N, C-alpha and C. Protein backbone atom coordinates (compact mmCIF):
# COMPACT_ATOMS: atom_id res chain seq x y z
N MET A 1 -30.75 -56.57 -107.56
CA MET A 1 -31.50 -55.78 -106.62
C MET A 1 -31.22 -56.31 -105.21
N ALA A 2 -30.90 -55.42 -104.30
CA ALA A 2 -30.63 -55.80 -102.91
C ALA A 2 -31.94 -56.11 -102.19
N ASP A 3 -31.89 -57.09 -101.32
CA ASP A 3 -33.07 -57.47 -100.52
C ASP A 3 -32.65 -57.55 -99.06
N ASN A 4 -33.15 -56.67 -98.24
CA ASN A 4 -32.80 -56.64 -96.82
C ASN A 4 -33.68 -57.54 -95.98
N HIS A 5 -34.52 -58.34 -96.60
CA HIS A 5 -35.45 -59.20 -95.87
C HIS A 5 -35.11 -60.68 -96.00
N ILE A 6 -33.85 -60.99 -96.17
CA ILE A 6 -33.40 -62.37 -96.30
C ILE A 6 -32.88 -62.85 -94.95
N ILE A 7 -33.32 -64.03 -94.56
CA ILE A 7 -32.85 -64.66 -93.33
C ILE A 7 -32.11 -65.92 -93.73
N CYS A 8 -30.89 -66.05 -93.23
CA CYS A 8 -30.09 -67.24 -93.52
C CYS A 8 -30.28 -68.26 -92.40
N ASN A 9 -30.29 -69.51 -92.78
CA ASN A 9 -30.45 -70.60 -91.83
C ASN A 9 -29.58 -71.75 -92.30
N PHE A 10 -29.00 -72.48 -91.37
CA PHE A 10 -28.22 -73.65 -91.75
C PHE A 10 -28.47 -74.76 -90.75
N HIS A 11 -28.20 -75.97 -91.16
CA HIS A 11 -28.37 -77.14 -90.31
C HIS A 11 -27.03 -77.89 -90.28
N LEU A 12 -26.66 -78.31 -89.11
CA LEU A 12 -25.46 -79.11 -88.95
C LEU A 12 -25.87 -80.37 -88.20
N TYR A 13 -25.83 -81.47 -88.87
CA TYR A 13 -26.27 -82.73 -88.27
C TYR A 13 -25.07 -83.47 -87.67
N GLU A 14 -24.39 -82.81 -86.78
CA GLU A 14 -23.22 -83.37 -86.11
C GLU A 14 -23.36 -83.16 -84.62
N PRO A 15 -22.86 -83.98 -83.81
CA PRO A 15 -22.27 -85.25 -84.20
C PRO A 15 -23.36 -86.24 -84.63
N PHE A 16 -23.17 -86.82 -85.79
CA PHE A 16 -24.15 -87.72 -86.38
C PHE A 16 -24.58 -88.80 -85.39
N PHE A 17 -23.63 -89.33 -84.67
CA PHE A 17 -23.90 -90.41 -83.72
C PHE A 17 -24.92 -89.99 -82.67
N PHE A 18 -24.84 -88.76 -82.19
CA PHE A 18 -25.78 -88.26 -81.19
C PHE A 18 -27.11 -87.87 -81.83
N ILE A 19 -27.05 -87.11 -82.90
CA ILE A 19 -28.26 -86.55 -83.53
C ILE A 19 -29.18 -87.64 -84.07
N HIS A 20 -28.63 -88.71 -84.62
CA HIS A 20 -29.43 -89.73 -85.28
C HIS A 20 -29.67 -90.99 -84.43
N GLN A 21 -29.33 -90.94 -83.16
CA GLN A 21 -29.51 -92.14 -82.33
C GLN A 21 -30.98 -92.57 -82.31
N GLY A 22 -31.19 -93.83 -82.54
CA GLY A 22 -32.53 -94.40 -82.50
C GLY A 22 -33.41 -94.08 -83.70
N ALA A 23 -32.88 -93.44 -84.71
CA ALA A 23 -33.67 -93.07 -85.89
C ALA A 23 -33.88 -94.31 -86.76
N SER A 24 -35.03 -94.91 -86.67
CA SER A 24 -35.29 -96.18 -87.36
C SER A 24 -35.21 -96.05 -88.88
N ARG A 25 -35.40 -94.87 -89.40
CA ARG A 25 -35.37 -94.70 -90.87
C ARG A 25 -33.98 -94.97 -91.45
N ILE A 26 -32.96 -94.97 -90.60
CA ILE A 26 -31.60 -95.18 -91.08
C ILE A 26 -31.17 -96.63 -90.92
N GLY A 27 -31.84 -97.37 -90.09
CA GLY A 27 -31.53 -98.78 -89.92
C GLY A 27 -30.71 -99.06 -88.68
N ASP A 28 -30.14 -100.23 -88.64
CA ASP A 28 -29.44 -100.70 -87.44
C ASP A 28 -28.21 -99.87 -87.07
N GLN A 29 -27.68 -99.11 -88.01
CA GLN A 29 -26.48 -98.36 -87.68
C GLN A 29 -26.72 -97.32 -86.59
N VAL A 30 -27.96 -96.96 -86.31
CA VAL A 30 -28.24 -95.99 -85.25
C VAL A 30 -29.08 -96.62 -84.15
N SER A 31 -28.90 -97.90 -83.92
CA SER A 31 -29.69 -98.62 -82.94
C SER A 31 -29.29 -98.29 -81.50
N ILE A 32 -28.20 -97.59 -81.32
CA ILE A 32 -27.76 -97.21 -79.98
C ILE A 32 -28.56 -96.00 -79.53
N THR A 33 -29.06 -96.03 -78.30
CA THR A 33 -29.78 -94.89 -77.74
C THR A 33 -29.23 -94.60 -76.34
N GLY A 34 -29.62 -93.46 -75.81
CA GLY A 34 -29.17 -93.06 -74.49
C GLY A 34 -27.85 -92.33 -74.49
N VAL A 35 -27.43 -91.86 -75.66
CA VAL A 35 -26.16 -91.14 -75.79
C VAL A 35 -26.40 -89.68 -75.41
N SER A 36 -25.56 -89.14 -74.54
CA SER A 36 -25.71 -87.74 -74.14
C SER A 36 -24.70 -86.85 -74.87
N PHE A 37 -25.04 -85.59 -74.92
CA PHE A 37 -24.11 -84.58 -75.44
C PHE A 37 -23.98 -83.51 -74.39
N PRO A 38 -22.77 -83.17 -74.03
CA PRO A 38 -21.52 -83.72 -74.52
C PRO A 38 -21.27 -85.13 -74.00
N TYR A 39 -20.29 -85.77 -74.56
CA TYR A 39 -19.92 -87.12 -74.16
C TYR A 39 -19.68 -87.17 -72.66
N ASN A 40 -20.21 -88.23 -72.04
CA ASN A 40 -20.01 -88.45 -70.61
C ASN A 40 -19.70 -89.93 -70.42
N ALA A 41 -18.49 -90.22 -70.03
CA ALA A 41 -18.05 -91.62 -69.88
C ALA A 41 -18.88 -92.38 -68.86
N GLU A 42 -19.39 -91.69 -67.86
CA GLU A 42 -20.14 -92.36 -66.79
C GLU A 42 -21.47 -92.92 -67.26
N ASN A 43 -22.10 -92.29 -68.25
CA ASN A 43 -23.39 -92.80 -68.70
C ASN A 43 -23.41 -93.18 -70.18
N PHE A 44 -22.23 -93.44 -70.75
CA PHE A 44 -22.15 -93.82 -72.16
C PHE A 44 -22.65 -95.26 -72.31
N PRO A 45 -23.68 -95.47 -73.15
CA PRO A 45 -24.25 -96.82 -73.27
C PRO A 45 -23.30 -97.80 -73.96
N ALA A 46 -23.57 -99.05 -73.72
CA ALA A 46 -22.81 -100.11 -74.39
C ALA A 46 -23.18 -100.14 -75.87
N LEU A 47 -22.28 -100.66 -76.68
CA LEU A 47 -22.55 -100.81 -78.10
C LEU A 47 -23.66 -101.83 -78.29
N ASN A 48 -24.73 -101.42 -78.95
CA ASN A 48 -25.84 -102.33 -79.24
C ASN A 48 -25.34 -103.37 -80.25
N PRO A 49 -25.59 -104.65 -80.01
CA PRO A 49 -25.14 -105.69 -80.96
C PRO A 49 -25.63 -105.45 -82.39
N LYS A 50 -26.79 -104.80 -82.57
CA LYS A 50 -27.29 -104.50 -83.92
C LYS A 50 -26.36 -103.56 -84.67
N ALA A 51 -25.59 -102.77 -83.95
CA ALA A 51 -24.72 -101.78 -84.59
C ALA A 51 -23.38 -102.35 -85.04
N LYS A 52 -23.11 -103.59 -84.66
CA LYS A 52 -21.83 -104.19 -85.06
C LYS A 52 -21.74 -104.31 -86.58
N ASN A 53 -20.58 -104.02 -87.08
CA ASN A 53 -20.29 -104.06 -88.52
C ASN A 53 -21.09 -103.03 -89.31
N THR A 54 -21.43 -101.91 -88.67
CA THR A 54 -22.08 -100.79 -89.36
C THR A 54 -21.21 -99.55 -89.19
N CYS A 55 -21.58 -98.49 -89.86
CA CYS A 55 -20.86 -97.22 -89.70
C CYS A 55 -20.90 -96.75 -88.26
N ASP A 56 -21.98 -97.08 -87.56
CA ASP A 56 -22.12 -96.59 -86.19
C ASP A 56 -21.12 -97.23 -85.24
N GLN A 57 -20.61 -98.39 -85.55
CA GLN A 57 -19.60 -98.98 -84.70
C GLN A 57 -18.36 -98.07 -84.70
N SER A 58 -18.01 -97.55 -85.83
CA SER A 58 -16.90 -96.61 -85.92
C SER A 58 -17.24 -95.29 -85.22
N ASN A 59 -18.46 -94.79 -85.42
CA ASN A 59 -18.90 -93.56 -84.76
C ASN A 59 -18.92 -93.73 -83.25
N TYR A 60 -19.27 -94.90 -82.79
CA TYR A 60 -19.28 -95.22 -81.36
C TYR A 60 -17.87 -95.07 -80.78
N ARG A 61 -16.91 -95.57 -81.50
CA ARG A 61 -15.52 -95.51 -81.02
C ARG A 61 -14.97 -94.09 -81.00
N THR A 62 -15.40 -93.25 -81.94
CA THR A 62 -14.86 -91.90 -82.02
C THR A 62 -15.67 -90.87 -81.24
N TYR A 63 -16.85 -91.25 -80.75
CA TYR A 63 -17.69 -90.28 -80.03
C TYR A 63 -17.00 -89.68 -78.81
N PRO A 64 -16.23 -90.41 -78.04
CA PRO A 64 -15.54 -89.77 -76.91
C PRO A 64 -14.67 -88.59 -77.35
N ARG A 65 -14.16 -88.63 -78.55
CA ARG A 65 -13.36 -87.52 -79.08
C ARG A 65 -14.24 -86.47 -79.77
N ASP A 66 -15.30 -86.91 -80.45
CA ASP A 66 -16.13 -86.00 -81.26
C ASP A 66 -17.34 -85.43 -80.54
N GLY A 67 -17.72 -86.00 -79.42
CA GLY A 67 -18.95 -85.60 -78.75
C GLY A 67 -18.76 -84.45 -77.79
N ASN A 68 -18.28 -83.30 -78.32
CA ASN A 68 -18.06 -82.13 -77.46
C ASN A 68 -18.21 -80.86 -78.28
N GLY A 69 -18.35 -79.76 -77.60
CA GLY A 69 -18.56 -78.47 -78.26
C GLY A 69 -17.41 -78.05 -79.15
N GLN A 70 -16.17 -78.32 -78.74
CA GLN A 70 -15.02 -77.93 -79.56
C GLN A 70 -15.04 -78.63 -80.91
N SER A 71 -15.41 -79.90 -80.91
CA SER A 71 -15.50 -80.65 -82.17
C SER A 71 -16.54 -80.01 -83.10
N ILE A 72 -17.67 -79.59 -82.53
CA ILE A 72 -18.71 -78.92 -83.35
C ILE A 72 -18.17 -77.60 -83.88
N ASN A 73 -17.53 -76.81 -83.03
CA ASN A 73 -16.97 -75.54 -83.48
C ASN A 73 -15.94 -75.73 -84.58
N ASP A 74 -15.17 -76.80 -84.50
CA ASP A 74 -14.16 -77.08 -85.52
C ASP A 74 -14.77 -77.38 -86.88
N LYS A 75 -15.98 -77.90 -86.88
CA LYS A 75 -16.64 -78.23 -88.15
C LYS A 75 -17.15 -76.96 -88.79
């Protein structure tokens, strides 16, 4: 049976580094805060020492490439 009253919704949690910054429920890997979207080299925060040796250290390095609208559209 067809239903014309369906609304579709989706969530995209990207870029993860921006969306989850400071989220304590995830732990130290998101201890970096003050990250803007899109990426801006002039106000990009330093790597928080708590984030060293976590997934976020890698996300920190790739954010200059991933922190933009084209990257989101590509996903």
